[in-house]
Amino acid sequence: MEKNIISIQNVSKSFGNQQVLADINLDIKMGEIFGFLDPSGAGKTTLVKQLVGLDTPTEGSNFIFNQKMPSLSLIERIGYMAQSDALYGELLAKENLEFFASLYRLKGRERQQRMNEVMEIVQLSEHMTKLVSNYSGGMKRRLSLAIALLHEPELLILDEPTVGIDPVLRKNVWKSFYALKRKGTTIIVTTHVMDEAEKCDRLGMIREGRLIAVGSAAELKANTGTATIEEAFLSYGGAKS
Protein backbone atom coordinates (compact mmCIF):
# COMPACT_ATOMS: atom_id res chain seq x y z
CA MET A 1 0.00 0.00 0.00
CA GLU A 2 1.41 3.36 -1.05
CA LYS A 3 2.10 5.81 1.73
CA ASN A 4 1.22 9.49 1.46
CA ILE A 5 4.15 11.77 2.27
CA ILE A 6 2.23 15.04 1.74
CA SER A 7 -1.34 15.95 2.56
CA ILE A 8 -2.71 19.33 1.47
CA GLN A 9 -6.03 19.96 3.20
CA ASN A 10 -8.46 22.72 2.21
CA VAL A 11 -5.63 25.16 1.51
CA SER A 12 -6.44 28.68 0.35
CA LYS A 13 -4.16 31.69 0.15
CA SER A 14 -4.90 35.35 -0.40
CA PHE A 15 -2.67 38.39 -0.64
CA GLY A 16 -4.97 41.26 0.23
CA ASN A 17 -7.95 40.99 -2.10
CA GLN A 18 -6.15 38.66 -4.51
CA GLN A 19 -6.77 34.95 -4.01
CA VAL A 20 -3.97 32.82 -5.47
CA LEU A 21 -5.01 29.42 -4.05
CA ALA A 22 -8.57 28.27 -3.56
CA ASP A 23 -9.47 25.19 -1.46
CA ILE A 24 -6.66 22.86 -2.60
CA ASN A 25 -6.95 19.23 -1.48
CA LEU A 26 -4.26 16.78 -2.55
CA ASP A 27 -2.23 13.80 -1.32
CA ILE A 28 1.20 13.01 -2.76
CA LYS A 29 2.65 9.52 -2.45
CA MET A 30 6.08 8.50 -1.25
CA GLY A 31 8.49 7.83 -4.09
CA GLU A 32 6.57 9.51 -6.89
CA ILE A 33 7.49 12.39 -9.16
CA PHE A 34 4.59 14.80 -8.92
CA GLY A 35 4.33 17.82 -11.19
CA PHE A 36 2.39 21.04 -10.69
CA LEU A 37 1.42 22.56 -14.01
CA ASP A 38 0.31 26.19 -13.99
CA PRO A 39 1.22 28.42 -16.94
CA SER A 40 0.35 31.59 -15.03
CA GLY A 41 3.02 30.79 -12.43
CA ALA A 42 1.46 32.30 -9.31
CA GLY A 43 -0.42 29.37 -7.79
CA LYS A 44 2.15 26.61 -8.03
CA THR A 45 5.00 28.67 -6.59
CA THR A 46 2.84 29.85 -3.69
CA LEU A 47 1.89 26.26 -2.92
CA VAL A 48 5.42 24.84 -2.93
CA LYS A 49 6.63 27.69 -0.71
CA GLN A 50 4.05 26.55 1.82
CA LEU A 51 5.25 22.95 1.55
CA VAL A 52 8.80 23.95 2.51
CA GLY A 53 7.59 26.22 5.32
CA LEU A 54 8.40 29.58 3.69
CA ASP A 55 4.74 30.62 3.62
CA THR A 56 1.52 29.69 5.39
CA PRO A 57 -2.04 29.25 4.12
CA THR A 58 -4.76 31.79 4.80
CA GLU A 59 -7.01 28.78 5.36
CA GLY A 60 -6.35 25.06 5.65
CA SER A 61 -3.21 23.07 6.51
CA ASN A 62 -0.26 21.33 4.88
CA PHE A 63 1.20 18.16 6.37
CA ILE A 64 4.57 16.60 5.46
CA PHE A 65 5.67 13.33 7.06
CA ASN A 66 2.47 13.66 9.14
CA GLN A 67 3.70 16.93 10.65
CA LYS A 68 1.97 20.24 10.14
CA MET A 69 4.01 22.81 8.25
CA PRO A 70 5.91 24.95 8.90
CA SER A 71 8.16 22.70 11.01
CA LEU A 72 11.87 23.37 11.60
CA SER A 73 12.36 19.74 12.58
CA LEU A 74 11.81 18.68 8.96
CA ILE A 75 14.40 20.92 7.32
CA GLU A 76 17.01 18.18 6.97
CA ARG A 77 14.51 15.85 5.29
CA ILE A 78 13.56 18.33 2.55
CA GLY A 79 15.59 19.71 -0.34
CA TYR A 80 14.32 22.90 -1.96
CA MET A 81 15.22 24.76 -5.12
CA ALA A 82 13.48 28.10 -5.52
CA GLN A 83 12.80 29.96 -8.76
CA SER A 84 15.32 32.60 -7.71
CA ASP A 85 18.85 31.30 -7.13
CA ALA A 86 19.90 31.77 -3.48
CA LEU A 87 23.64 31.80 -4.12
CA TYR A 88 26.59 33.88 -2.93
CA GLY A 89 28.09 35.44 -6.04
CA GLU A 90 31.25 36.62 -4.29
CA LEU A 91 32.13 33.03 -3.34
CA LEU A 92 33.41 30.13 -5.42
CA ALA A 93 30.95 27.39 -6.32
CA LYS A 94 32.90 25.10 -3.98
CA GLU A 95 32.51 27.59 -1.14
CA ASN A 96 28.77 27.82 -1.76
CA LEU A 97 28.54 24.03 -1.57
CA GLU A 98 30.63 23.93 1.61
CA PHE A 99 28.42 26.54 3.26
CA PHE A 100 25.20 24.69 2.54
CA ALA A 101 26.78 21.34 3.41
CA SER A 102 27.67 22.74 6.84
CA LEU A 103 24.03 23.73 7.37
CA TYR A 104 23.10 20.09 6.82
CA ARG A 105 25.93 18.93 9.10
CA LEU A 106 27.83 17.12 6.36
CA LYS A 107 31.48 16.70 7.35
CA GLY A 108 34.79 15.33 6.18
CA ARG A 109 34.88 12.65 3.53
CA GLU A 110 31.07 12.47 3.24
CA ARG A 111 30.88 16.21 2.52
CA GLN A 112 33.53 16.07 -0.19
CA GLN A 113 31.99 12.98 -1.75
CA ARG A 114 28.52 14.53 -1.91
CA MET A 115 29.90 17.78 -3.35
CA ASN A 116 31.64 15.85 -6.11
CA GLU A 117 28.58 13.70 -6.80
CA VAL A 118 26.08 16.53 -7.13
CA MET A 119 28.41 18.63 -9.30
CA GLU A 120 28.82 15.60 -11.55
CA ILE A 121 25.04 15.29 -11.87
CA VAL A 122 24.67 18.88 -13.04
CA GLN A 123 27.90 18.72 -15.10
CA LEU A 124 29.69 21.52 -13.28
CA SER A 125 32.65 19.55 -11.94
CA GLU A 126 35.11 21.57 -14.03
CA HIS A 127 33.69 24.83 -12.65
CA MET A 128 33.95 24.01 -8.93
CA THR A 129 36.56 26.72 -8.30
CA LYS A 130 34.92 29.45 -10.41
CA LEU A 131 33.30 32.48 -8.80
CA VAL A 132 29.52 32.17 -8.93
CA SER A 133 29.32 35.77 -10.16
CA ASN A 134 31.04 34.51 -13.32
CA TYR A 135 28.48 31.75 -13.84
CA SER A 136 25.86 32.08 -16.58
CA GLY A 137 22.19 32.02 -15.61
CA GLY A 138 21.88 28.36 -16.61
CA MET A 139 24.97 27.43 -14.58
CA LYS A 140 23.50 29.14 -11.52
CA ARG A 141 20.31 27.07 -11.92
CA ARG A 142 22.42 23.93 -12.10
CA LEU A 143 24.40 24.89 -8.99
CA SER A 144 21.14 25.59 -7.13
CA LEU A 145 19.95 22.10 -8.07
CA ALA A 146 23.24 20.59 -6.87
CA ILE A 147 22.81 22.31 -3.51
CA ALA A 148 19.24 21.00 -3.16
CA LEU A 149 20.56 17.47 -3.74
CA LEU A 150 23.53 17.73 -1.34
CA HIS A 151 22.04 16.13 1.78
CA GLU A 152 20.12 13.38 -0.06
CA PRO A 153 16.71 14.57 1.17
CA GLU A 154 13.71 12.25 1.35
CA LEU A 155 11.59 14.95 -0.28
CA LEU A 156 12.86 17.17 -3.09
CA ILE A 157 10.81 20.25 -4.02
CA LEU A 158 11.97 21.98 -7.20
CA ASP A 159 10.39 25.17 -8.54
CA GLU A 160 10.99 25.23 -12.31
CA PRO A 161 14.40 23.52 -11.95
CA THR A 162 15.35 23.33 -15.64
CA VAL A 163 14.61 26.91 -16.74
CA GLY A 164 17.61 28.16 -18.72
CA ILE A 165 19.16 24.69 -19.02
CA ASP A 166 19.90 23.33 -22.49
CA PRO A 167 17.89 20.31 -23.77
CA VAL A 168 20.76 17.80 -23.56
CA LEU A 169 21.56 18.62 -19.94
CA ARG A 170 17.85 18.77 -19.10
CA LYS A 171 17.59 15.17 -20.25
CA ASN A 172 20.48 14.21 -17.95
CA VAL A 173 18.91 16.08 -15.03
CA TRP A 174 15.72 14.10 -15.49
CA LYS A 175 17.73 10.87 -15.57
CA SER A 176 19.06 11.85 -12.14
CA PHE A 177 15.48 12.46 -10.95
CA TYR A 178 14.49 8.94 -12.03
CA ALA A 179 17.54 7.52 -10.22
CA LEU A 180 16.51 9.34 -7.04
CA LYS A 181 12.96 8.05 -7.44
CA ARG A 182 14.29 4.48 -7.61
CA LYS A 183 15.97 5.10 -4.25
CA GLY A 184 12.63 6.15 -2.76
CA THR A 185 12.96 9.93 -2.98
CA THR A 186 9.74 11.85 -3.51
CA ILE A 187 10.11 14.68 -6.02
CA ILE A 188 7.79 17.63 -6.60
CA VAL A 189 8.45 19.67 -9.72
CA THR A 190 6.68 22.82 -10.85
CA THR A 191 6.76 23.53 -14.55
CA HIS A 192 5.04 25.31 -17.38
CA VAL A 193 6.89 23.17 -19.96
CA MET A 194 4.51 20.59 -21.37
CA ASP A 195 7.08 17.94 -22.35
CA GLU A 196 8.45 18.00 -18.79
CA ALA A 197 4.94 17.53 -17.45
CA GLU A 198 4.78 14.29 -19.44
CA LYS A 199 7.78 12.96 -17.48
CA CYS A 200 5.98 13.11 -14.11
CA ASP A 201 4.17 10.12 -12.58
CA ARG A 202 1.20 12.35 -11.82
CA LEU A 203 0.26 15.94 -12.48
CA GLY A 204 -1.80 18.51 -10.65
CA MET A 205 -3.19 21.13 -13.00
CA ILE A 206 -3.75 24.53 -11.38
CA ARG A 207 -5.74 27.30 -13.02
CA GLU A 208 -6.68 30.59 -11.40
CA GLY A 209 -5.65 29.16 -8.03
CA ARG A 210 -7.81 26.04 -8.28
CA LEU A 211 -6.71 22.44 -8.68
CA ILE A 212 -8.70 21.51 -11.79
CA ALA A 213 -7.36 17.99 -12.43
CA VAL A 214 -5.02 15.35 -10.98
CA GLY A 215 -3.72 12.22 -12.68
CA SER A 216 -1.04 10.75 -14.90
CA ALA A 217 -0.42 12.38 -18.25
CA ALA A 218 -2.04 9.39 -19.97
CA GLU A 219 -5.10 9.58 -17.72
CA LEU A 220 -5.55 13.31 -18.19
CA LYS A 221 -5.32 13.00 -21.98
CA ALA A 222 -7.66 10.00 -22.04
CA ASN A 223 -10.23 11.74 -19.82
CA THR A 224 -10.35 14.73 -22.16
CA GLY A 225 -9.93 12.88 -25.44
CA THR A 226 -6.88 14.96 -26.27
CA ALA A 227 -3.47 14.15 -27.77
CA THR A 228 -1.29 16.44 -25.68
CA ILE A 229 -1.04 17.69 -22.10
CA GLU A 230 -1.45 21.24 -23.35
CA GLU A 231 -4.77 20.34 -24.99
CA ALA A 232 -5.84 18.48 -21.85
CA PHE A 233 -5.05 21.51 -19.69
CA LEU A 234 -7.07 23.78 -21.99
CA SER A 235 -9.92 21.29 -21.99
CA TYR A 236 -10.07 21.07 -18.19
CA GLY A 237 -9.71 24.82 -17.89
CA GLY A 238 -12.50 25.42 -20.36
CA ALA A 239 -14.76 23.05 -18.45
CA LYS A 240 -14.35 25.02 -15.23
CA SER A 241 -17.42 26.93 -14.19
C-alpha atoms as a PDB file:
ATOM      1  CA  MET A   1       0.000   0.000   0.000  1.00  0.00           C
ATOM      2  CA  GLU A   2       1.406   3.361  -1.046  1.00  0.00           C
ATOM      3  CA  LYS A   3       2.103   5.815   1.731  1.00  0.00           C
ATOM      4  CA  ASN A   4       1.221   9.486   1.463  1.00  0.00           C
ATOM      5  CA  ILE A   5       4.145  11.771   2.271  1.00  0.00           C
ATOM      6  CA  ILE A   6       2.230  15.037   1.738  1.00  0.00           C
ATOM      7  CA  SER A   7      -1.340  15.951   2.561  1.00  0.00           C
ATOM      8  CA  ILE A   8      -2.714  19.333   1.470  1.00  0.00           C
ATOM      9  CA  GLN A   9      -6.026  19.956   3.204  1.00  0.00           C
ATOM     10  CA  ASN A  10      -8.459  22.723   2.214  1.00  0.00           C
ATOM     11  CA  VAL A  11      -5.627  25.158   1.514  1.00  0.00           C
ATOM     12  CA  SER A  12      -6.440  28.681   0.355  1.00  0.00           C
ATOM     13  CA  LYS A  13      -4.161  31.693   0.147  1.00  0.00           C
ATOM     14  CA  SER A  14      -4.899  35.352  -0.402  1.00  0.00           C
ATOM     15  CA  PHE A  15      -2.669  38.390  -0.642  1.00  0.00           C
ATOM     16  CA  GLY A  16      -4.966  41.264   0.230  1.00  0.00           C
ATOM     17  CA  ASN A  17      -7.949  40.987  -2.096  1.00  0.00           C
ATOM     18  CA  GLN A  18      -6.151  38.664  -4.507  1.00  0.00           C
ATOM     19  CA  GLN A  19      -6.771  34.949  -4.014  1.00  0.00           C
ATOM     20  CA  VAL A  20      -3.972  32.824  -5.475  1.00  0.00           C
ATOM     21  CA  LEU A  21      -5.008  29.421  -4.050  1.00  0.00           C
ATOM     22  CA  ALA A  22      -8.574  28.268  -3.557  1.00  0.00           C
ATOM     23  CA  ASP A  23      -9.470  25.192  -1.463  1.00  0.00           C
ATOM     24  CA  ILE A  24      -6.656  22.864  -2.601  1.00  0.00           C
ATOM     25  CA  ASN A  25      -6.953  19.230  -1.485  1.00  0.00           C
ATOM     26  CA  LEU A  26      -4.263  16.776  -2.548  1.00  0.00           C
ATOM     27  CA  ASP A  27      -2.230  13.798  -1.321  1.00  0.00           C
ATOM     28  CA  ILE A  28       1.204  13.013  -2.765  1.00  0.00           C
ATOM     29  CA  LYS A  29       2.654   9.520  -2.446  1.00  0.00           C
ATOM     30  CA  MET A  30       6.075   8.499  -1.251  1.00  0.00           C
ATOM     31  CA  GLY A  31       8.486   7.830  -4.092  1.00  0.00           C
ATOM     32  CA  GLU A  32       6.567   9.507  -6.895  1.00  0.00           C
ATOM     33  CA  ILE A  33       7.490  12.389  -9.157  1.00  0.00           C
ATOM     34  CA  PHE A  34       4.594  14.802  -8.922  1.00  0.00           C
ATOM     35  CA  GLY A  35       4.325  17.817 -11.186  1.00  0.00           C
ATOM     36  CA  PHE A  36       2.389  21.037 -10.693  1.00  0.00           C
ATOM     37  CA  LEU A  37       1.416  22.561 -14.012  1.00  0.00           C
ATOM     38  CA  ASP A  38       0.310  26.187 -13.987  1.00  0.00           C
ATOM     39  CA  PRO A  39       1.217  28.419 -16.937  1.00  0.00           C
ATOM     40  CA  SER A  40       0.352  31.593 -15.035  1.00  0.00           C
ATOM     41  CA  GLY A  41       3.022  30.793 -12.431  1.00  0.00           C
ATOM     42  CA  ALA A  42       1.457  32.304  -9.311  1.00  0.00           C
ATOM     43  CA  GLY A  43      -0.417  29.366  -7.793  1.00  0.00           C
ATOM     44  CA  LYS A  44       2.153  26.607  -8.031  1.00  0.00           C
ATOM     45  CA  THR A  45       5.003  28.667  -6.592  1.00  0.00           C
ATOM     46  CA  THR A  46       2.844  29.854  -3.686  1.00  0.00           C
ATOM     47  CA  LEU A  47       1.892  26.258  -2.918  1.00  0.00           C
ATOM     48  CA  VAL A  48       5.422  24.841  -2.933  1.00  0.00           C
ATOM     49  CA  LYS A  49       6.631  27.688  -0.707  1.00  0.00           C
ATOM     50  CA  GLN A  50       4.053  26.547   1.816  1.00  0.00           C
ATOM     51  CA  LEU A  51       5.250  22.946   1.551  1.00  0.00           C
ATOM     52  CA  VAL A  52       8.798  23.946   2.510  1.00  0.00           C
ATOM     53  CA  GLY A  53       7.591  26.223   5.316  1.00  0.00           C
ATOM     54  CA  LEU A  54       8.396  29.577   3.691  1.00  0.00           C
ATOM     55  CA  ASP A  55       4.742  30.624   3.623  1.00  0.00           C
ATOM     56  CA  THR A  56       1.519  29.686   5.393  1.00  0.00           C
ATOM     57  CA  PRO A  57      -2.039  29.253   4.121  1.00  0.00           C
ATOM     58  CA  THR A  58      -4.763  31.795   4.798  1.00  0.00           C
ATOM     59  CA  GLU A  59      -7.012  28.780   5.360  1.00  0.00           C
ATOM     60  CA  GLY A  60      -6.355  25.056   5.645  1.00  0.00           C
ATOM     61  CA  SER A  61      -3.215  23.073   6.509  1.00  0.00           C
ATOM     62  CA  ASN A  62      -0.264  21.332   4.879  1.00  0.00           C
ATOM     63  CA  PHE A  63       1.196  18.155   6.366  1.00  0.00           C
ATOM     64  CA  ILE A  64       4.565  16.600   5.465  1.00  0.00           C
ATOM     65  CA  PHE A  65       5.672  13.332   7.060  1.00  0.00           C
ATOM     66  CA  ASN A  66       2.470  13.659   9.144  1.00  0.00           C
ATOM     67  CA  GLN A  67       3.705  16.929  10.650  1.00  0.00           C
ATOM     68  CA  LYS A  68       1.967  20.240  10.142  1.00  0.00           C
ATOM     69  CA  MET A  69       4.008  22.812   8.253  1.00  0.00           C
ATOM     70  CA  PRO A  70       5.912  24.952   8.896  1.00  0.00           C
ATOM     71  CA  SER A  71       8.162  22.702  11.005  1.00  0.00           C
ATOM     72  CA  LEU A  72      11.865  23.371  11.600  1.00  0.00           C
ATOM     73  CA  SER A  73      12.365  19.738  12.578  1.00  0.00           C
ATOM     74  CA  LEU A  74      11.808  18.677   8.957  1.00  0.00           C
ATOM     75  CA  ILE A  75      14.398  20.922   7.318  1.00  0.00           C
ATOM     76  CA  GLU A  76      17.015  18.177   6.969  1.00  0.00           C
ATOM     77  CA  ARG A  77      14.509  15.851   5.290  1.00  0.00           C
ATOM     78  CA  ILE A  78      13.564  18.335   2.552  1.00  0.00           C
ATOM     79  CA  GLY A  79      15.592  19.712  -0.342  1.00  0.00           C
ATOM     80  CA  TYR A  80      14.320  22.901  -1.963  1.00  0.00           C
ATOM     81  CA  MET A  81      15.220  24.757  -5.125  1.00  0.00           C
ATOM     82  CA  ALA A  82      13.480  28.100  -5.519  1.00  0.00           C
ATOM     83  CA  GLN A  83      12.796  29.965  -8.758  1.00  0.00           C
ATOM     84  CA  SER A  84      15.324  32.598  -7.710  1.00  0.00           C
ATOM     85  CA  ASP A  85      18.848  31.302  -7.128  1.00  0.00           C
ATOM     86  CA  ALA A  86      19.900  31.765  -3.481  1.00  0.00           C
ATOM     87  CA  LEU A  87      23.637  31.797  -4.125  1.00  0.00           C
ATOM     88  CA  TYR A  88      26.590  33.875  -2.926  1.00  0.00           C
ATOM     89  CA  GLY A  89      28.093  35.439  -6.042  1.00  0.00           C
ATOM     90  CA  GLU A  90      31.249  36.620  -4.287  1.00  0.00           C
ATOM     91  CA  LEU A  91      32.134  33.025  -3.340  1.00  0.00           C
ATOM     92  CA  LEU A  92      33.413  30.135  -5.419  1.00  0.00           C
ATOM     93  CA  ALA A  93      30.950  27.393  -6.320  1.00  0.00           C
ATOM     94  CA  LYS A  94      32.903  25.104  -3.985  1.00  0.00           C
ATOM     95  CA  GLU A  95      32.506  27.594  -1.136  1.00  0.00           C
ATOM     96  CA  ASN A  96      28.767  27.816  -1.759  1.00  0.00           C
ATOM     97  CA  LEU A  97      28.540  24.029  -1.571  1.00  0.00           C
ATOM     98  CA  GLU A  98      30.628  23.931   1.612  1.00  0.00           C
ATOM     99  CA  PHE A  99      28.424  26.542   3.257  1.00  0.00           C
ATOM    100  CA  PHE A 100      25.197  24.695   2.538  1.00  0.00           C
ATOM    101  CA  ALA A 101      26.784  21.342   3.411  1.00  0.00           C
ATOM    102  CA  SER A 102      27.670  22.737   6.838  1.00  0.00           C
ATOM    103  CA  LEU A 103      24.027  23.729   7.371  1.00  0.00           C
ATOM    104  CA  TYR A 104      23.104  20.089   6.822  1.00  0.00           C
ATOM    105  CA  ARG A 105      25.933  18.934   9.104  1.00  0.00           C
ATOM    106  CA  LEU A 106      27.831  17.122   6.357  1.00  0.00           C
ATOM    107  CA  LYS A 107      31.477  16.701   7.346  1.00  0.00           C
ATOM    108  CA  GLY A 108      34.791  15.334   6.180  1.00  0.00           C
ATOM    109  CA  ARG A 109      34.875  12.648   3.529  1.00  0.00           C
ATOM    110  CA  GLU A 110      31.073  12.466   3.244  1.00  0.00           C
ATOM    111  CA  ARG A 111      30.879  16.211   2.523  1.00  0.00           C
ATOM    112  CA  GLN A 112      33.528  16.075  -0.194  1.00  0.00           C
ATOM    113  CA  GLN A 113      31.990  12.975  -1.750  1.00  0.00           C
ATOM    114  CA  ARG A 114      28.523  14.533  -1.912  1.00  0.00           C
ATOM    115  CA  MET A 115      29.897  17.783  -3.351  1.00  0.00           C
ATOM    116  CA  ASN A 116      31.638  15.850  -6.107  1.00  0.00           C
ATOM    117  CA  GLU A 117      28.577  13.699  -6.801  1.00  0.00           C
ATOM    118  CA  VAL A 118      26.083  16.531  -7.131  1.00  0.00           C
ATOM    119  CA  MET A 119      28.408  18.631  -9.298  1.00  0.00           C
ATOM    120  CA  GLU A 120      28.822  15.603 -11.551  1.00  0.00           C
ATOM    121  CA  ILE A 121      25.045  15.286 -11.866  1.00  0.00           C
ATOM    122  CA  VAL A 122      24.668  18.884 -13.041  1.00  0.00           C
ATOM    123  CA  GLN A 123      27.896  18.717 -15.102  1.00  0.00           C
ATOM    124  CA  LEU A 124      29.692  21.518 -13.280  1.00  0.00           C
ATOM    125  CA  SER A 125      32.652  19.554 -11.939  1.00  0.00           C
ATOM    126  CA  GLU A 126      35.108  21.573 -14.034  1.00  0.00           C
ATOM    127  CA  HIS A 127      33.689  24.828 -12.654  1.00  0.00           C
ATOM    128  CA  MET A 128      33.948  24.007  -8.935  1.00  0.00           C
ATOM    129  CA  THR A 129      36.558  26.720  -8.301  1.00  0.00           C
ATOM    130  CA  LYS A 130      34.924  29.445 -10.406  1.00  0.00           C
ATOM    131  CA  LEU A 131      33.299  32.478  -8.802  1.00  0.00           C
ATOM    132  CA  VAL A 132      29.519  32.167  -8.929  1.00  0.00           C
ATOM    133  CA  SER A 133      29.322  35.774 -10.156  1.00  0.00           C
ATOM    134  CA  ASN A 134      31.038  34.508 -13.318  1.00  0.00           C
ATOM    135  CA  TYR A 135      28.477  31.755 -13.840  1.00  0.00           C
ATOM    136  CA  SER A 136      25.864  32.078 -16.576  1.00  0.00           C
ATOM    137  CA  GLY A 137      22.185  32.018 -15.609  1.00  0.00           C
ATOM    138  CA  GLY A 138      21.885  28.364 -16.612  1.00  0.00           C
ATOM    139  CA  MET A 139      24.970  27.431 -14.584  1.00  0.00           C
ATOM    140  CA  LYS A 140      23.498  29.137 -11.524  1.00  0.00           C
ATOM    141  CA  ARG A 141      20.312  27.069 -11.921  1.00  0.00           C
ATOM    142  CA  ARG A 142      22.416  23.934 -12.101  1.00  0.00           C
ATOM    143  CA  LEU A 143      24.396  24.889  -8.989  1.00  0.00           C
ATOM    144  CA  SER A 144      21.140  25.585  -7.130  1.00  0.00           C
ATOM    145  CA  LEU A 145      19.950  22.104  -8.069  1.00  0.00           C
ATOM    146  CA  ALA A 146      23.241  20.588  -6.870  1.00  0.00           C
ATOM    147  CA  ILE A 147      22.808  22.309  -3.509  1.00  0.00           C
ATOM    148  CA  ALA A 148      19.244  20.999  -3.161  1.00  0.00           C
ATOM    149  CA  LEU A 149      20.563  17.470  -3.739  1.00  0.00           C
ATOM    150  CA  LEU A 150      23.525  17.728  -1.337  1.00  0.00           C
ATOM    151  CA  HIS A 151      22.042  16.130   1.778  1.00  0.00           C
ATOM    152  CA  GLU A 152      20.115  13.384  -0.063  1.00  0.00           C
ATOM    153  CA  PRO A 153      16.705  14.566   1.167  1.00  0.00           C
ATOM    154  CA  GLU A 154      13.711  12.253   1.348  1.00  0.00           C
ATOM    155  CA  LEU A 155      11.590  14.946  -0.279  1.00  0.00           C
ATOM    156  CA  LEU A 156      12.857  17.169  -3.086  1.00  0.00           C
ATOM    157  CA  ILE A 157      10.809  20.249  -4.022  1.00  0.00           C
ATOM    158  CA  LEU A 158      11.965  21.983  -7.196  1.00  0.00           C
ATOM    159  CA  ASP A 159      10.393  25.170  -8.539  1.00  0.00           C
ATOM    160  CA  GLU A 160      10.995  25.228 -12.315  1.00  0.00           C
ATOM    161  CA  PRO A 161      14.403  23.519 -11.955  1.00  0.00           C
ATOM    162  CA  THR A 162      15.353  23.331 -15.638  1.00  0.00           C
ATOM    163  CA  VAL A 163      14.612  26.909 -16.740  1.00  0.00           C
ATOM    164  CA  GLY A 164      17.606  28.156 -18.724  1.00  0.00           C
ATOM    165  CA  ILE A 165      19.157  24.689 -19.021  1.00  0.00           C
ATOM    166  CA  ASP A 166      19.901  23.335 -22.495  1.00  0.00           C
ATOM    167  CA  PRO A 167      17.892  20.313 -23.775  1.00  0.00           C
ATOM    168  CA  VAL A 168      20.765  17.802 -23.555  1.00  0.00           C
ATOM    169  CA  LEU A 169      21.558  18.625 -19.940  1.00  0.00           C
ATOM    170  CA  ARG A 170      17.848  18.774 -19.105  1.00  0.00           C
ATOM    171  CA  LYS A 171      17.590  15.168 -20.250  1.00  0.00           C
ATOM    172  CA  ASN A 172      20.476  14.211 -17.951  1.00  0.00           C
ATOM    173  CA  VAL A 173      18.912  16.083 -15.030  1.00  0.00           C
ATOM    174  CA  TRP A 174      15.717  14.099 -15.492  1.00  0.00           C
ATOM    175  CA  LYS A 175      17.733  10.870 -15.573  1.00  0.00           C
ATOM    176  CA  SER A 176      19.063  11.848 -12.137  1.00  0.00           C
ATOM    177  CA  PHE A 177      15.485  12.461 -10.951  1.00  0.00           C
ATOM    178  CA  TYR A 178      14.494   8.944 -12.025  1.00  0.00           C
ATOM    179  CA  ALA A 179      17.541   7.518 -10.224  1.00  0.00           C
ATOM    180  CA  LEU A 180      16.505   9.343  -7.038  1.00  0.00           C
ATOM    181  CA  LYS A 181      12.958   8.051  -7.439  1.00  0.00           C
ATOM    182  CA  ARG A 182      14.288   4.483  -7.613  1.00  0.00           C
ATOM    183  CA  LYS A 183      15.969   5.101  -4.250  1.00  0.00           C
ATOM    184  CA  GLY A 184      12.626   6.151  -2.761  1.00  0.00           C
ATOM    185  CA  THR A 185      12.962   9.933  -2.985  1.00  0.00           C
ATOM    186  CA  THR A 186       9.735  11.853  -3.513  1.00  0.00           C
ATOM    187  CA  ILE A 187      10.108  14.682  -6.018  1.00  0.00           C
ATOM    188  CA  ILE A 188       7.794  17.626  -6.602  1.00  0.00           C
ATOM    189  CA  VAL A 189       8.455  19.667  -9.722  1.00  0.00           C
ATOM    190  CA  THR A 190       6.684  22.824 -10.854  1.00  0.00           C
ATOM    191  CA  THR A 191       6.757  23.526 -14.546  1.00  0.00           C
ATOM    192  CA  HIS A 192       5.043  25.309 -17.383  1.00  0.00           C
ATOM    193  CA  VAL A 193       6.886  23.175 -19.957  1.00  0.00           C
ATOM    194  CA  MET A 194       4.515  20.588 -21.375  1.00  0.00           C
ATOM    195  CA  ASP A 195       7.083  17.943 -22.349  1.00  0.00           C
ATOM    196  CA  GLU A 196       8.447  18.003 -18.790  1.00  0.00           C
ATOM    197  CA  ALA A 197       4.939  17.528 -17.450  1.00  0.00           C
ATOM    198  CA  GLU A 198       4.783  14.285 -19.441  1.00  0.00           C
ATOM    199  CA  LYS A 199       7.776  12.955 -17.479  1.00  0.00           C
ATOM    200  CA  CYS A 200       5.976  13.106 -14.110  1.00  0.00           C
ATOM    201  CA  ASP A 201       4.172  10.124 -12.579  1.00  0.00           C
ATOM    202  CA  ARG A 202       1.198  12.353 -11.819  1.00  0.00           C
ATOM    203  CA  LEU A 203       0.259  15.944 -12.478  1.00  0.00           C
ATOM    204  CA  GLY A 204      -1.796  18.511 -10.654  1.00  0.00           C
ATOM    205  CA  MET A 205      -3.186  21.133 -13.005  1.00  0.00           C
ATOM    206  CA  ILE A 206      -3.753  24.534 -11.379  1.00  0.00           C
ATOM    207  CA  ARG A 207      -5.742  27.300 -13.019  1.00  0.00           C
ATOM    208  CA  GLU A 208      -6.682  30.592 -11.396  1.00  0.00           C
ATOM    209  CA  GLY A 209      -5.651  29.156  -8.033  1.00  0.00           C
ATOM    210  CA  ARG A 210      -7.813  26.035  -8.276  1.00  0.00           C
ATOM    211  CA  LEU A 211      -6.715  22.439  -8.684  1.00  0.00           C
ATOM    212  CA  ILE A 212      -8.696  21.510 -11.786  1.00  0.00           C
ATOM    213  CA  ALA A 213      -7.355  17.992 -12.428  1.00  0.00           C
ATOM    214  CA  VAL A 214      -5.025  15.348 -10.981  1.00  0.00           C
ATOM    215  CA  GLY A 215      -3.724  12.217 -12.682  1.00  0.00           C
ATOM    216  CA  SER A 216      -1.038  10.746 -14.898  1.00  0.00           C
ATOM    217  CA  ALA A 217      -0.415  12.375 -18.250  1.00  0.00           C
ATOM    218  CA  ALA A 218      -2.037   9.385 -19.969  1.00  0.00           C
ATOM    219  CA  GLU A 219      -5.102   9.577 -17.716  1.00  0.00           C
ATOM    220  CA  LEU A 220      -5.555  13.307 -18.194  1.00  0.00           C
ATOM    221  CA  LYS A 221      -5.322  12.998 -21.978  1.00  0.00           C
ATOM    222  CA  ALA A 222      -7.665  10.002 -22.039  1.00  0.00           C
ATOM    223  CA  ASN A 223     -10.226  11.737 -19.821  1.00  0.00           C
ATOM    224  CA  THR A 224     -10.353  14.735 -22.158  1.00  0.00           C
ATOM    225  CA  GLY A 225      -9.931  12.878 -25.441  1.00  0.00           C
ATOM    226  CA  THR A 226      -6.876  14.964 -26.273  1.00  0.00           C
ATOM    227  CA  ALA A 227      -3.471  14.148 -27.765  1.00  0.00           C
ATOM    228  CA  THR A 228      -1.287  16.437 -25.677  1.00  0.00           C
ATOM    229  CA  ILE A 229      -1.045  17.688 -22.095  1.00  0.00           C
ATOM    230  CA  GLU A 230      -1.452  21.244 -23.350  1.00  0.00           C
ATOM    231  CA  GLU A 231      -4.767  20.340 -24.994  1.00  0.00           C
ATOM    232  CA  ALA A 232      -5.842  18.481 -21.854  1.00  0.00           C
ATOM    233  CA  PHE A 233      -5.051  21.510 -19.695  1.00  0.00           C
ATOM    234  CA  LEU A 234      -7.072  23.784 -21.986  1.00  0.00           C
ATOM    235  CA  SER A 235      -9.916  21.291 -21.986  1.00  0.00           C
ATOM    236  CA  TYR A 236     -10.071  21.066 -18.193  1.00  0.00           C
ATOM    237  CA  GLY A 237      -9.714  24.816 -17.885  1.00  0.00           C
ATOM    238  CA  GLY A 238     -12.502  25.420 -20.357  1.00  0.00           C
ATOM    239  CA  ALA A 239     -14.764  23.053 -18.450  1.00  0.00           C
ATOM    240  CA  LYS A 240     -14.352  25.021 -15.228  1.00  0.00           C
ATOM    241  CA  SER A 241     -17.420  26.929 -14.191  1.00  0.00           C
END
